Structure formats: structure tokens, C-alpha cells
Amino acid sequence: MATKIRLQRHGRKGYAFYSIVIADVRAPRDGKFTEKIGTYNPNTNPATVDLKFDRALYWVECGAQPTDTVRNILSGEGVYLMKHLRGGVKKGAFDEAACQAKFDAWKADKQKGLSQVTAKNEADKKAAAAAKLEAEKKANAEIAKKVADKKAAEAVAKAEAEAEAKAEEAAEEAAAAPEAEAEAAPAAEEQATETPAEA
């Protein structure tokens, strides 16, 4: 029976995450499996891998064949490096302590690289958020300026309308004054003529 180490898909459409399983090559992708040795979530940056290291190393040493993606995952987690170092121990090139020390040094360097990537992603997010905030502030300032200009224009138009209305009222009053005088003059004459006649 050929044994494969492969991914088993889970998750909704457009947001897949995977289980890393040991399965018979004849079994369907999401079907029967022998053992689950971890999970792989490519939706995060960097991708999240939760692996049972000892079991993965056991199956690799037993000859289970990984798919290309799983081979990359196991290599990134150091499974193949540990297999190589344990081969050196078996051949007598170095002892178990030196093997573990080399692996720990590699793992520490790997973690340092991952922490740098994470820090860079956080810095990029903060910079993007700051740039977005500045753009929003600029847009709000432009909107406030437009509103202020519009209000100033409305105030000027209102003042001009009031001035025109006052000017029209003054013109109407000026035009009405001679008419009133003209109407008052005949009335005064009538009164003047009536008074001597009565006397």
C-alpha cells in the first residue's frame, strides 16, 4: 500500500484551510485517512502551520511520500533537515546533542526571519492606516473649505438681496413723497377757498 502525506481541504468557498493527513494513495482527497498530523492555513501572512513534528518525522522516515505542497511545508518546518541530521548521527558524523544544537540554531534563525516578516507587515499596516487617515483628513478639510465658501457666498448673496430690497424701498418712498405732496396741495387750496366764503 502506497502511503501519501497530503492536504485535506476544509473551509468555505474562497477561504480554504487544510488538514495535513497520512492517507492511502487510493483514498479520495477528503475521504479516509490513517492519521492527521497537522493543519495548514494559507489565509494568514505568513501562512500558519500547526504540525506534530515527531509524527511527521516518523512518517517521512518510514517512506511516506508527500505531495509537492506538503513537501514545502515539511521542509519549512525542518522535518527534512532533522531527517538529514539524524542520518548523520546514524553514520557517526556527530552525536545526538550536536544534531539537536544544529537544529535549534536553524529553528532560531527561522523564527528570527518570521518575526522580521511579521514586524514588517505590522509596520506596513500602520503606515497604510496613517496614510489613509491623512487622506481622510485632507478630504475632510477640502469638504469643510467648500462648505465654508458656499456659506460665505450665500451670506454675500443674502446681504446683496437685503441691500437691493432696502434700495427699492427707499426708491418707492422717494417716488411716493411727491405724489403725496401733489395730493395734499389741492386739498389745502380747497380748504383755503372754503374758509373765506363762509366768513
N, C-alpha and C. Protein backbone atom coordinates (compact mmCIF):
# COMPACT_ATOMS: atom_id res chain seq x y z
N MET A 1 0.85 -1.19 0.00
CA MET A 1 0.00 0.00 0.00
C MET A 1 0.89 1.24 0.00
N ALA A 2 0.71 2.12 -1.00
CA ALA A 2 1.48 3.36 -1.07
C ALA A 2 0.85 4.39 -0.14
N THR A 3 1.66 4.99 0.71
CA THR A 3 1.17 5.97 1.68
C THR A 3 1.62 7.36 1.26
N LYS A 4 0.69 8.29 1.31
CA LYS A 4 0.98 9.68 0.93
C LYS A 4 0.75 10.60 2.12
N ILE A 5 1.53 11.66 2.16
CA ILE A 5 1.27 12.76 3.11
C ILE A 5 0.70 13.88 2.26
N ARG A 6 -0.54 14.26 2.51
CA ARG A 6 -1.18 15.23 1.63
C ARG A 6 -2.16 16.11 2.39
N LEU A 7 -2.70 17.06 1.67
CA LEU A 7 -3.63 18.03 2.26
C LEU A 7 -5.07 17.57 2.07
N GLN A 8 -5.87 17.81 3.09
CA GLN A 8 -7.30 17.52 3.02
C GLN A 8 -8.03 18.85 3.21
N ARG A 9 -8.82 19.23 2.22
CA ARG A 9 -9.41 20.58 2.20
C ARG A 9 -10.59 20.71 3.14
N HIS A 10 -10.62 21.87 3.85
CA HIS A 10 -11.75 22.27 4.68
C HIS A 10 -12.02 23.75 4.44
N GLY A 11 -13.08 24.26 5.03
CA GLY A 11 -13.36 25.70 4.91
C GLY A 11 -14.35 25.99 3.81
N ARG A 12 -14.82 27.24 3.83
CA ARG A 12 -15.83 27.64 2.86
C ARG A 12 -15.18 28.02 1.53
N LYS A 13 -16.03 28.31 0.56
CA LYS A 13 -15.56 28.71 -0.76
C LYS A 13 -14.79 30.03 -0.66
N GLY A 14 -13.60 30.05 -1.24
CA GLY A 14 -12.78 31.26 -1.22
C GLY A 14 -11.99 31.44 0.06
N TYR A 15 -12.14 30.52 1.03
CA TYR A 15 -11.40 30.63 2.29
C TYR A 15 -11.07 29.21 2.76
N ALA A 16 -10.17 28.58 2.05
CA ALA A 16 -9.84 27.18 2.33
C ALA A 16 -8.72 27.10 3.37
N PHE A 17 -8.83 26.12 4.27
CA PHE A 17 -7.70 25.73 5.10
C PHE A 17 -7.64 24.21 5.07
N TYR A 18 -6.50 23.66 5.44
CA TYR A 18 -6.23 22.26 5.15
C TYR A 18 -5.76 21.50 6.38
N SER A 19 -6.10 20.22 6.42
CA SER A 19 -5.50 19.28 7.36
C SER A 19 -4.38 18.54 6.64
N ILE A 20 -3.28 18.30 7.34
CA ILE A 20 -2.18 17.50 6.79
C ILE A 20 -2.39 16.08 7.29
N VAL A 21 -2.62 15.15 6.37
CA VAL A 21 -3.00 13.80 6.76
C VAL A 21 -2.10 12.76 6.09
N ILE A 22 -2.06 11.60 6.73
CA ILE A 22 -1.43 10.41 6.16
C ILE A 22 -2.56 9.57 5.57
N ALA A 23 -2.49 9.28 4.28
CA ALA A 23 -3.61 8.57 3.64
C ALA A 23 -3.08 7.62 2.58
N ASP A 24 -3.90 6.60 2.29
CA ASP A 24 -3.62 5.69 1.18
C ASP A 24 -3.75 6.48 -0.12
N VAL A 25 -2.89 6.20 -1.07
CA VAL A 25 -2.90 6.92 -2.33
C VAL A 25 -4.21 6.70 -3.08
N ARG A 26 -4.92 5.60 -2.79
CA ARG A 26 -6.16 5.30 -3.50
C ARG A 26 -7.38 5.97 -2.86
N ALA A 27 -7.21 6.52 -1.67
CA ALA A 27 -8.34 7.15 -0.98
C ALA A 27 -8.66 8.49 -1.60
N PRO A 28 -9.95 8.92 -1.59
CA PRO A 28 -10.28 10.24 -2.14
C PRO A 28 -9.65 11.36 -1.32
N ARG A 29 -9.56 12.53 -1.92
CA ARG A 29 -8.84 13.64 -1.30
C ARG A 29 -9.35 13.96 0.10
N ASP A 30 -10.66 14.08 0.24
CA ASP A 30 -11.23 14.45 1.53
C ASP A 30 -11.86 13.24 2.23
N GLY A 31 -11.40 12.05 1.87
CA GLY A 31 -12.00 10.84 2.41
C GLY A 31 -11.20 10.24 3.55
N LYS A 32 -11.12 8.90 3.55
CA LYS A 32 -10.50 8.15 4.64
C LYS A 32 -9.00 8.45 4.72
N PHE A 33 -8.51 8.58 5.97
CA PHE A 33 -7.08 8.80 6.18
C PHE A 33 -6.62 7.99 7.38
N THR A 34 -5.32 7.77 7.46
CA THR A 34 -4.74 6.97 8.55
C THR A 34 -4.53 7.81 9.79
N GLU A 35 -3.95 9.00 9.62
CA GLU A 35 -3.62 9.85 10.78
C GLU A 35 -3.57 11.30 10.34
N LYS A 36 -4.01 12.18 11.22
CA LYS A 36 -3.90 13.62 10.99
C LYS A 36 -2.69 14.13 11.77
N ILE A 37 -1.75 14.77 11.06
CA ILE A 37 -0.52 15.20 11.73
C ILE A 37 -0.39 16.72 11.81
N GLY A 38 -1.38 17.46 11.34
CA GLY A 38 -1.28 18.91 11.47
C GLY A 38 -2.31 19.64 10.62
N THR A 39 -2.21 20.97 10.65
CA THR A 39 -3.09 21.83 9.84
C THR A 39 -2.25 22.89 9.13
N TYR A 40 -2.82 23.41 8.05
CA TYR A 40 -2.14 24.43 7.24
C TYR A 40 -3.18 25.47 6.83
N ASN A 41 -2.93 26.73 7.23
CA ASN A 41 -3.86 27.82 6.89
C ASN A 41 -3.12 28.86 6.04
N PRO A 42 -3.37 28.87 4.72
CA PRO A 42 -2.67 29.83 3.85
C PRO A 42 -3.29 31.21 3.83
N ASN A 43 -4.36 31.44 4.60
CA ASN A 43 -5.07 32.73 4.55
C ASN A 43 -4.39 33.80 5.38
N THR A 44 -3.44 33.42 6.24
CA THR A 44 -2.71 34.40 7.04
C THR A 44 -1.39 34.74 6.35
N ASN A 45 -0.75 35.81 6.82
CA ASN A 45 0.53 36.20 6.25
C ASN A 45 1.53 36.40 7.38
N PRO A 46 2.54 35.54 7.55
CA PRO A 46 2.81 34.32 6.76
C PRO A 46 1.81 33.21 7.09
N ALA A 47 1.79 32.17 6.25
CA ALA A 47 0.84 31.07 6.43
C ALA A 47 1.07 30.38 7.77
N THR A 48 -0.04 29.95 8.40
CA THR A 48 0.03 29.31 9.71
C THR A 48 0.08 27.80 9.55
N VAL A 49 1.12 27.18 10.16
CA VAL A 49 1.27 25.72 10.12
C VAL A 49 1.32 25.21 11.55
N ASP A 50 0.43 24.26 11.87
CA ASP A 50 0.44 23.60 13.18
C ASP A 50 0.72 22.12 12.89
N LEU A 51 1.94 21.67 13.25
CA LEU A 51 2.40 20.35 12.83
C LEU A 51 2.85 19.52 14.03
N LYS A 52 2.46 18.24 14.05
CA LYS A 52 3.01 17.30 15.03
C LYS A 52 4.36 16.83 14.46
N PHE A 53 5.41 17.49 14.93
CA PHE A 53 6.73 17.31 14.32
C PHE A 53 7.20 15.87 14.38
N ASP A 54 7.07 15.24 15.56
CA ASP A 54 7.59 13.88 15.74
C ASP A 54 6.89 12.89 14.81
N ARG A 55 5.55 13.05 14.69
CA ARG A 55 4.80 12.12 13.83
C ARG A 55 5.13 12.36 12.35
N ALA A 56 5.31 13.62 11.98
CA ALA A 56 5.68 13.90 10.59
C ALA A 56 7.05 13.30 10.28
N LEU A 57 8.00 13.44 11.21
CA LEU A 57 9.34 12.87 11.01
C LEU A 57 9.27 11.35 10.94
N TYR A 58 8.44 10.76 11.79
CA TYR A 58 8.28 9.30 11.78
C TYR A 58 7.80 8.82 10.41
N TRP A 59 6.76 9.46 9.88
CA TRP A 59 6.19 9.02 8.60
C TRP A 59 7.15 9.28 7.44
N VAL A 60 7.88 10.37 7.48
CA VAL A 60 8.87 10.64 6.42
C VAL A 60 9.96 9.57 6.46
N GLU A 61 10.42 9.21 7.67
CA GLU A 61 11.45 8.17 7.77
C GLU A 61 10.93 6.79 7.41
N CYS A 62 9.60 6.60 7.54
CA CYS A 62 9.01 5.32 7.12
C CYS A 62 8.86 5.23 5.60
N GLY A 63 9.03 6.35 4.91
CA GLY A 63 8.96 6.32 3.45
C GLY A 63 7.68 6.86 2.85
N ALA A 64 6.82 7.50 3.67
CA ALA A 64 5.59 8.10 3.12
C ALA A 64 5.98 9.24 2.18
N GLN A 65 5.32 9.29 1.03
CA GLN A 65 5.66 10.28 0.01
C GLN A 65 4.74 11.51 0.11
N PRO A 66 5.30 12.69 0.35
CA PRO A 66 4.45 13.89 0.43
C PRO A 66 4.15 14.46 -0.96
N THR A 67 3.06 15.18 -1.05
CA THR A 67 2.80 15.94 -2.28
C THR A 67 3.75 17.15 -2.30
N ASP A 68 3.79 17.85 -3.42
CA ASP A 68 4.73 18.97 -3.55
C ASP A 68 4.48 20.05 -2.49
N THR A 69 3.21 20.38 -2.28
CA THR A 69 2.89 21.42 -1.29
C THR A 69 3.27 20.98 0.11
N VAL A 70 2.96 19.73 0.44
CA VAL A 70 3.29 19.22 1.77
C VAL A 70 4.80 19.12 1.94
N ARG A 71 5.52 18.77 0.88
CA ARG A 71 6.98 18.72 0.96
C ARG A 71 7.54 20.10 1.31
N ASN A 72 6.98 21.14 0.70
CA ASN A 72 7.43 22.50 1.02
C ASN A 72 7.11 22.86 2.46
N ILE A 73 5.92 22.46 2.93
CA ILE A 73 5.53 22.75 4.32
C ILE A 73 6.47 22.03 5.29
N LEU A 74 6.71 20.73 5.05
CA LEU A 74 7.58 19.97 5.94
C LEU A 74 9.01 20.49 5.92
N SER A 75 9.46 20.89 4.74
CA SER A 75 10.80 21.46 4.63
C SER A 75 10.90 22.77 5.41
N GLY A 76 9.85 23.59 5.31
CA GLY A 76 9.83 24.85 6.04
C GLY A 76 9.80 24.66 7.54
N GLU A 77 9.19 23.55 8.00
CA GLU A 77 9.13 23.26 9.43
C GLU A 77 10.37 22.53 9.93
N GLY A 78 11.27 22.12 9.02
CA GLY A 78 12.53 21.50 9.42
C GLY A 78 12.50 19.99 9.53
N VAL A 79 11.45 19.35 9.01
CA VAL A 79 11.36 17.89 9.11
C VAL A 79 12.46 17.22 8.29
N TYR A 80 12.68 17.72 7.08
CA TYR A 80 13.71 17.11 6.24
C TYR A 80 15.12 17.42 6.75
N LEU A 81 15.31 18.58 7.36
CA LEU A 81 16.60 18.89 7.97
C LEU A 81 16.89 17.92 9.11
N MET A 82 15.88 17.68 9.96
CA MET A 82 16.07 16.74 11.07
C MET A 82 16.33 15.32 10.56
N LYS A 83 15.64 14.93 9.50
CA LYS A 83 15.91 13.60 8.91
C LYS A 83 17.36 13.50 8.45
N HIS A 84 17.82 14.58 7.81
CA HIS A 84 19.21 14.60 7.34
C HIS A 84 20.19 14.54 8.52
N LEU A 85 19.93 15.32 9.57
CA LEU A 85 20.83 15.32 10.73
C LEU A 85 20.82 13.97 11.44
N ARG A 86 19.65 13.34 11.54
CA ARG A 86 19.59 12.02 12.18
C ARG A 86 20.32 10.97 11.35
N GLY A 87 20.31 11.17 10.03
CA GLY A 87 21.12 10.28 9.19
C GLY A 87 22.60 10.44 9.50
N GLY A 88 23.03 11.68 9.76
CA GLY A 88 24.42 11.91 10.15
C GLY A 88 24.76 11.27 11.48
N VAL A 89 23.81 11.28 12.42
CA VAL A 89 24.03 10.63 13.72
C VAL A 89 24.19 9.12 13.54
N LYS A 90 23.34 8.53 12.69
CA LYS A 90 23.42 7.09 12.44
C LYS A 90 24.76 6.70 11.82
N LYS A 91 25.31 7.60 10.99
CA LYS A 91 26.59 7.31 10.33
C LYS A 91 27.78 7.63 11.24
N GLY A 92 27.51 8.26 12.38
CA GLY A 92 28.58 8.56 13.32
C GLY A 92 29.31 9.86 13.03
N ALA A 93 28.75 10.74 12.19
CA ALA A 93 29.41 12.01 11.88
C ALA A 93 29.40 12.94 13.08
N PHE A 94 28.34 12.91 13.88
CA PHE A 94 28.25 13.70 15.12
C PHE A 94 27.22 13.03 16.03
N ASP A 95 27.17 13.50 17.27
CA ASP A 95 26.29 12.84 18.23
C ASP A 95 24.91 13.52 18.27
N GLU A 96 24.04 12.97 19.12
CA GLU A 96 22.65 13.45 19.20
C GLU A 96 22.58 14.90 19.70
N ALA A 97 23.46 15.26 20.63
CA ALA A 97 23.45 16.62 21.18
C ALA A 97 23.83 17.64 20.10
N ALA A 98 24.83 17.32 19.30
CA ALA A 98 25.24 18.23 18.22
C ALA A 98 24.12 18.34 17.18
N CYS A 99 23.45 17.22 16.93
CA CYS A 99 22.31 17.22 15.99
C CYS A 99 21.23 18.18 16.47
N GLN A 100 20.88 18.06 17.77
CA GLN A 100 19.83 18.92 18.33
C GLN A 100 20.27 20.37 18.35
N ALA A 101 21.55 20.63 18.63
CA ALA A 101 22.07 22.01 18.67
C ALA A 101 21.99 22.65 17.28
N LYS A 102 22.35 21.89 16.26
CA LYS A 102 22.27 22.42 14.89
C LYS A 102 20.82 22.73 14.51
N PHE A 103 19.92 21.81 14.88
CA PHE A 103 18.51 22.04 14.55
C PHE A 103 17.96 23.25 15.30
N ASP A 104 18.32 23.39 16.59
CA ASP A 104 17.85 24.53 17.37
C ASP A 104 18.37 25.84 16.80
N ALA A 105 19.63 25.85 16.34
CA ALA A 105 20.20 27.06 15.73
C ALA A 105 19.43 27.42 14.46
N TRP A 106 19.13 26.40 13.64
CA TRP A 106 18.36 26.66 12.41
C TRP A 106 16.97 27.18 12.74
N LYS A 107 16.33 26.58 13.77
CA LYS A 107 14.98 26.97 14.15
C LYS A 107 14.97 28.42 14.66
N ALA A 108 15.98 28.78 15.45
CA ALA A 108 16.05 30.15 15.98
C ALA A 108 16.22 31.16 14.84
N ASP A 109 17.05 30.82 13.86
CA ASP A 109 17.24 31.70 12.71
C ASP A 109 15.95 31.83 11.91
N LYS A 110 15.24 30.72 11.78
CA LYS A 110 13.96 30.73 11.06
C LYS A 110 12.94 31.61 11.79
N GLN A 111 12.87 31.48 13.12
CA GLN A 111 11.93 32.29 13.90
C GLN A 111 12.28 33.78 13.80
N LYS A 112 13.57 34.07 13.78
CA LYS A 112 14.01 35.47 13.65
C LYS A 112 13.52 36.04 12.32
N GLY A 113 13.68 35.25 11.24
CA GLY A 113 13.20 35.70 9.94
C GLY A 113 11.70 35.92 9.92
N LEU A 114 10.95 34.98 10.55
CA LEU A 114 9.49 35.11 10.61
C LEU A 114 9.08 36.34 11.42
N SER A 115 9.78 36.59 12.53
CA SER A 115 9.45 37.76 13.35
C SER A 115 9.72 39.05 12.58
N GLN A 116 10.78 39.06 11.77
CA GLN A 116 11.07 40.24 10.94
C GLN A 116 9.97 40.46 9.91
N VAL A 117 9.52 39.37 9.30
CA VAL A 117 8.42 39.47 8.33
C VAL A 117 7.16 40.00 8.99
N THR A 118 6.87 39.46 10.19
CA THR A 118 5.68 39.91 10.93
C THR A 118 5.78 41.38 11.30
N ALA A 119 6.98 41.79 11.77
CA ALA A 119 7.18 43.20 12.14
C ALA A 119 7.03 44.10 10.92
N LYS A 120 7.56 43.65 9.78
CA LYS A 120 7.44 44.44 8.55
C LYS A 120 5.97 44.58 8.14
N ASN A 121 5.22 43.47 8.25
CA ASN A 121 3.79 43.52 7.91
C ASN A 121 3.04 44.49 8.82
N GLU A 122 3.37 44.45 10.13
CA GLU A 122 2.72 45.37 11.08
C GLU A 122 3.06 46.81 10.75
N ALA A 123 4.35 47.06 10.43
CA ALA A 123 4.76 48.43 10.08
C ALA A 123 4.06 48.90 8.81
N ASP A 124 3.93 48.00 7.83
CA ASP A 124 3.24 48.36 6.59
C ASP A 124 1.77 48.68 6.86
N LYS A 125 1.13 47.88 7.75
CA LYS A 125 -0.27 48.14 8.10
C LYS A 125 -0.43 49.50 8.77
N LYS A 126 0.50 49.80 9.72
CA LYS A 126 0.43 51.08 10.41
C LYS A 126 0.64 52.24 9.44
N ALA A 127 1.61 52.08 8.53
CA ALA A 127 1.87 53.13 7.55
C ALA A 127 0.66 53.34 6.63
N ALA A 128 0.04 52.22 6.22
CA ALA A 128 -1.14 52.32 5.36
C ALA A 128 -2.29 53.00 6.11
N ALA A 129 -2.46 52.64 7.40
CA ALA A 129 -3.52 53.26 8.19
C ALA A 129 -3.27 54.75 8.37
N ALA A 130 -1.99 55.13 8.61
CA ALA A 130 -1.65 56.55 8.77
C ALA A 130 -1.89 57.31 7.47
N ALA A 131 -1.51 56.70 6.34
CA ALA A 131 -1.73 57.35 5.04
C ALA A 131 -3.22 57.52 4.76
N LYS A 132 -4.00 56.50 5.11
CA LYS A 132 -5.45 56.58 4.92
C LYS A 132 -6.06 57.68 5.78
N LEU A 133 -5.57 57.77 7.03
CA LEU A 133 -6.06 58.81 7.94
C LEU A 133 -5.73 60.20 7.42
N GLU A 134 -4.50 60.37 6.90
CA GLU A 134 -4.10 61.66 6.34
C GLU A 134 -4.97 62.02 5.13
N ALA A 135 -5.23 61.00 4.28
CA ALA A 135 -6.07 61.25 3.11
C ALA A 135 -7.48 61.66 3.53
N GLU A 136 -8.01 60.99 4.58
CA GLU A 136 -9.35 61.36 5.06
C GLU A 136 -9.36 62.77 5.64
N LYS A 137 -8.30 63.11 6.40
CA LYS A 137 -8.21 64.47 6.95
C LYS A 137 -8.17 65.51 5.83
N LYS A 138 -7.38 65.22 4.80
CA LYS A 138 -7.28 66.14 3.67
C LYS A 138 -8.63 66.29 2.97
N ALA A 139 -9.31 65.16 2.75
CA ALA A 139 -10.62 65.21 2.10
C ALA A 139 -11.62 65.98 2.96
N ASN A 140 -11.59 65.75 4.29
CA ASN A 140 -12.49 66.47 5.19
C ASN A 140 -12.20 67.97 5.18
N ALA A 141 -10.90 68.33 5.13
CA ALA A 141 -10.55 69.75 5.08
C ALA A 141 -11.06 70.39 3.80
N GLU A 142 -10.94 69.67 2.68
CA GLU A 142 -11.44 70.20 1.40
C GLU A 142 -12.96 70.38 1.46
N ILE A 143 -13.64 69.39 2.04
CA ILE A 143 -15.10 69.48 2.15
C ILE A 143 -15.49 70.66 3.04
N ALA A 144 -14.77 70.82 4.17
CA ALA A 144 -15.06 71.94 5.08
C ALA A 144 -14.82 73.28 4.38
N LYS A 145 -13.77 73.33 3.57
CA LYS A 145 -13.48 74.58 2.84
C LYS A 145 -14.60 74.87 1.84
N LYS A 146 -15.05 73.84 1.13
CA LYS A 146 -16.15 74.03 0.18
C LYS A 146 -17.41 74.51 0.88
N VAL A 147 -17.71 73.90 2.04
CA VAL A 147 -18.90 74.30 2.80
C VAL A 147 -18.78 75.74 3.27
N ALA A 148 -17.57 76.10 3.77
CA ALA A 148 -17.36 77.47 4.24
C ALA A 148 -17.51 78.46 3.08
N ASP A 149 -16.93 78.12 1.92
CA ASP A 149 -17.05 79.00 0.74
C ASP A 149 -18.51 79.15 0.33
N LYS A 150 -19.24 78.03 0.37
CA LYS A 150 -20.66 78.07 -0.01
C LYS A 150 -21.45 78.95 0.95
N LYS A 151 -21.18 78.81 2.27
CA LYS A 151 -21.88 79.63 3.26
C LYS A 151 -21.53 81.11 3.08
N ALA A 152 -20.24 81.39 2.80
CA ALA A 152 -19.83 82.78 2.59
C ALA A 152 -20.52 83.36 1.36
N ALA A 153 -20.61 82.56 0.28
CA ALA A 153 -21.29 83.02 -0.93
C ALA A 153 -22.77 83.27 -0.65
N GLU A 154 -23.39 82.36 0.14
CA GLU A 154 -24.80 82.56 0.48
C GLU A 154 -25.00 83.82 1.33
N ALA A 155 -24.06 84.07 2.26
CA ALA A 155 -24.15 85.27 3.09
C ALA A 155 -24.02 86.53 2.25
N VAL A 156 -23.06 86.51 1.29
CA VAL A 156 -22.88 87.67 0.41
C VAL A 156 -24.13 87.89 -0.43
N ALA A 157 -24.70 86.80 -0.97
CA ALA A 157 -25.90 86.92 -1.79
C ALA A 157 -27.07 87.44 -0.96
N LYS A 158 -27.18 86.96 0.28
CA LYS A 158 -28.24 87.44 1.16
C LYS A 158 -28.08 88.92 1.47
N ALA A 159 -26.83 89.33 1.75
CA ALA A 159 -26.57 90.76 2.04
C ALA A 159 -26.90 91.62 0.82
N GLU A 160 -26.52 91.16 -0.37
CA GLU A 160 -26.83 91.91 -1.60
C GLU A 160 -28.34 92.02 -1.80
N ALA A 161 -29.06 90.90 -1.53
CA ALA A 161 -30.52 90.92 -1.69
C ALA A 161 -31.15 91.90 -0.71
N GLU A 162 -30.66 91.90 0.54
CA GLU A 162 -31.19 92.85 1.52
C GLU A 162 -30.91 94.30 1.11
N ALA A 163 -29.70 94.53 0.59
CA ALA A 163 -29.34 95.88 0.14
C ALA A 163 -30.24 96.32 -1.01
N GLU A 164 -30.49 95.40 -1.95
CA GLU A 164 -31.37 95.73 -3.08
C GLU A 164 -32.78 96.02 -2.60
N ALA A 165 -33.25 95.21 -1.62
CA ALA A 165 -34.60 95.43 -1.10
C ALA A 165 -34.70 96.80 -0.42
N LYS A 166 -33.68 97.16 0.36
CA LYS A 166 -33.68 98.47 1.02
C LYS A 166 -33.64 99.59 -0.01
N ALA A 167 -32.83 99.40 -1.06
CA ALA A 167 -32.74 100.42 -2.11
C ALA A 167 -34.08 100.58 -2.81
N GLU A 168 -34.77 99.45 -3.06
CA GLU A 168 -36.08 99.53 -3.70
C GLU A 168 -37.09 100.24 -2.79
N GLU A 169 -37.05 99.92 -1.49
CA GLU A 169 -37.96 100.59 -0.55
C GLU A 169 -37.71 102.09 -0.50
N ALA A 170 -36.41 102.46 -0.51
CA ALA A 170 -36.05 103.89 -0.49
C ALA A 170 -36.54 104.58 -1.76
N ALA A 171 -36.39 103.89 -2.90
CA ALA A 171 -36.83 104.46 -4.17
C ALA A 171 -38.35 104.61 -4.18
N GLU A 172 -39.06 103.60 -3.64
CA GLU A 172 -40.52 103.68 -3.58
C GLU A 172 -40.97 104.84 -2.67
N GLU A 173 -40.28 104.97 -1.52
CA GLU A 173 -40.62 106.09 -0.63
C GLU A 173 -40.36 107.44 -1.29
N ALA A 174 -39.23 107.52 -2.01
CA ALA A 174 -38.88 108.78 -2.69
C ALA A 174 -39.92 109.09 -3.78
N ALA A 175 -40.39 108.05 -4.47
CA ALA A 175 -41.38 108.27 -5.53
C ALA A 175 -42.75 108.59 -4.92
N ALA A 176 -43.04 108.04 -3.74
CA ALA A 176 -44.33 108.27 -3.12
C ALA A 176 -44.43 109.66 -2.48
N ALA A 177 -43.33 110.27 -2.09
CA ALA A 177 -43.34 111.58 -1.43
C ALA A 177 -43.88 112.69 -2.35
N PRO A 178 -43.46 112.87 -3.59
CA PRO A 178 -44.03 113.92 -4.45
C PRO A 178 -45.51 113.71 -4.74
N GLU A 179 -45.94 112.46 -4.86
CA GLU A 179 -47.36 112.18 -5.10
C GLU A 179 -48.19 112.63 -3.90
N ALA A 180 -47.64 112.35 -2.71
CA ALA A 180 -48.36 112.76 -1.50
C ALA A 180 -48.44 114.28 -1.42
N GLU A 181 -47.37 114.97 -1.78
CA GLU A 181 -47.37 116.44 -1.79
C GLU A 181 -48.36 116.99 -2.81
N ALA A 182 -48.37 116.33 -4.00
CA ALA A 182 -49.29 116.78 -5.04
C ALA A 182 -50.74 116.58 -4.61
N GLU A 183 -51.05 115.50 -3.90
CA GLU A 183 -52.41 115.26 -3.42
C GLU A 183 -52.77 116.23 -2.29
N ALA A 184 -51.76 116.56 -1.47
CA ALA A 184 -52.02 117.44 -0.32
C ALA A 184 -52.26 118.89 -0.76
N ALA A 185 -51.64 119.32 -1.84
CA ALA A 185 -51.76 120.73 -2.31
C ALA A 185 -53.20 121.06 -2.73
N PRO A 186 -53.92 120.33 -3.55
CA PRO A 186 -55.30 120.68 -3.90
C PRO A 186 -56.23 120.68 -2.69
N ALA A 187 -55.98 119.77 -1.78
CA ALA A 187 -56.82 119.73 -0.58
C ALA A 187 -56.65 121.00 0.23
N ALA A 188 -55.43 121.49 0.32
CA ALA A 188 -55.18 122.74 1.07
C ALA A 188 -55.84 123.92 0.37
N GLU A 189 -55.81 123.92 -0.95
CA GLU A 189 -56.42 125.01 -1.71
C GLU A 189 -57.93 125.02 -1.50
N GLU A 190 -58.54 123.84 -1.50
CA GLU A 190 -59.99 123.76 -1.29
C GLU A 190 -60.37 124.30 0.08
N GLN A 191 -59.54 123.91 1.08
CA GLN A 191 -59.82 124.41 2.43
C GLN A 191 -59.69 125.94 2.48
N ALA A 192 -58.68 126.44 1.77
CA ALA A 192 -58.45 127.89 1.78
C ALA A 192 -59.61 128.63 1.10
N THR A 193 -60.14 128.08 0.04
CA THR A 193 -61.25 128.75 -0.68
C THR A 193 -62.53 128.63 0.10
N GLU A 194 -62.75 127.55 0.80
CA GLU A 194 -63.98 127.35 1.55
C GLU A 194 -64.05 128.30 2.76
N THR A 195 -62.97 128.56 3.40
CA THR A 195 -62.97 129.37 4.63
C THR A 195 -63.38 130.81 4.41
N PRO A 196 -62.90 131.54 3.37
CA PRO A 196 -63.38 132.93 3.17
C PRO A 196 -64.85 133.00 2.77
N ALA A 197 -65.30 132.05 2.03
CA ALA A 197 -66.70 132.08 1.58
C ALA A 197 -67.63 131.99 2.79
N GLU A 198 -67.31 131.16 3.71
CA GLU A 198 -68.15 131.00 4.89
C GLU A 198 -68.16 132.26 5.73
N ALA A 199 -66.98 132.88 5.76
CA ALA A 199 -66.89 134.09 6.56
C ALA A 199 -67.79 135.17 5.95
